[in-house]
Protein backbone atom coordinates (compact mmCIF):
# COMPACT_ATOMS: atom_id res chain seq x y z
CA MET A 1 142.66 68.19 -155.86
CA ASP A 2 144.75 71.39 -155.41
CA ARG A 3 147.81 69.19 -156.40
CA LEU A 4 146.19 67.85 -159.54
CA ARG A 5 145.28 71.36 -160.55
CA PHE A 6 148.85 72.48 -159.93
CA ILE A 7 150.14 69.92 -162.14
CA ASP A 8 147.58 70.71 -164.73
CA MET A 9 148.35 74.55 -164.62
CA ARG A 10 152.22 74.00 -164.69
CA LEU A 11 151.67 71.81 -167.84
CA LEU A 12 149.64 74.51 -169.51
CA TRP A 13 151.73 77.33 -168.90
CA GLU A 14 155.06 75.79 -168.93
CA ALA A 15 154.96 72.36 -170.62
CA ARG A 16 157.03 70.44 -168.34
CA ILE A 17 156.79 69.50 -164.37
CA ASN A 18 158.59 67.32 -161.91
CA ARG A 19 157.91 65.45 -158.59
CA VAL A 20 160.29 68.16 -156.84
CA ASP A 21 157.84 71.05 -158.26
CA LEU A 22 155.01 69.22 -156.39
CA ILE A 23 156.79 68.34 -153.29
CA GLU A 24 158.28 71.94 -152.97
CA ALA A 25 155.24 73.80 -153.68
CA PHE A 26 153.22 71.25 -151.29
CA SER A 27 155.47 70.03 -148.64
CA ILE A 28 154.37 66.47 -149.42
CA SER A 29 156.36 63.26 -149.54
CA PRO A 30 157.94 61.80 -152.74
CA ALA A 31 155.42 58.81 -152.36
CA GLN A 32 152.61 61.45 -152.24
CA ALA A 33 154.06 63.25 -155.10
CA ALA A 34 154.52 59.93 -157.02
CA LEU A 35 150.54 58.99 -156.43
CA ASP A 36 149.32 62.43 -157.59
CA PHE A 37 151.22 61.96 -160.88
CA ARG A 38 149.90 58.79 -161.23
CA THR A 39 146.28 60.14 -160.57
CA TYR A 40 146.78 62.90 -162.95
CA LEU A 41 148.54 60.64 -165.74
CA GLU A 42 145.52 58.57 -165.93
CA GLN A 43 143.00 61.39 -166.51
CA ALA A 44 145.76 63.19 -169.13
CA GLY A 45 146.20 60.20 -171.49
CA GLU A 46 148.53 60.62 -174.29
CA GLY A 47 148.82 64.21 -173.69
CA VAL A 48 151.59 64.20 -171.13
CA ILE A 49 154.63 61.68 -170.91
CA TYR A 50 157.92 61.55 -169.07
CA ASP A 51 161.32 62.82 -170.63
CA THR A 52 163.73 60.77 -169.30
CA ARG A 53 166.53 63.36 -170.23
CA ALA A 54 164.62 66.23 -168.57
CA LYS A 55 163.39 64.10 -165.82
CA SER A 56 160.14 65.78 -165.93
CA TYR A 57 156.68 65.26 -166.97
CA VAL A 58 156.31 66.93 -170.61
CA THR A 59 153.20 67.61 -172.89
CA THR A 60 152.74 66.12 -176.22
CA ASN A 61 150.88 67.42 -179.35
CA ASP A 62 147.92 65.74 -178.00
CA TYR A 63 148.03 67.68 -174.69
CA GLU A 64 144.61 68.84 -173.29
CA PRO A 65 144.25 70.36 -169.76
CA VAL A 66 142.41 68.18 -167.52
CA PHE A 67 140.78 70.91 -165.62
CA PRO A 68 138.80 73.98 -167.04
CA HIS A 69 140.98 77.17 -166.92
CA PRO A 70 139.86 80.72 -166.30
CA ASP A 71 141.04 83.52 -167.94
CA GLY A 72 144.99 84.26 -167.96
CA ARG A 73 144.11 87.09 -165.52
CA GLU A 74 142.63 85.10 -163.08
CA GLU A 75 145.38 82.41 -163.21
CA LEU A 76 148.23 85.06 -162.46
CA LEU A 77 146.09 86.25 -159.69
CA GLN A 78 146.05 82.87 -158.16
CA LEU A 79 149.87 82.41 -158.81
CA ALA A 80 150.65 85.67 -156.80
CA ALA A 81 148.33 84.71 -153.97
């Protein structure tokens, strides 16, 4: 669940994420990262697509966060931790 929330937060704040971001943040295998993205994309629907040029998942105009997000201050505190 933490990895899916990480994907969601990254897309919310930066509008892009790739597998390497997830692999480095959680020390997981590329296969596990692929599974996590598949799970997330099933929930995100048309709001996230893979950009072959950027080699990243990016948000579209239809993007809505999958998970509810607290206010920005709380997000920053979590990132700092």
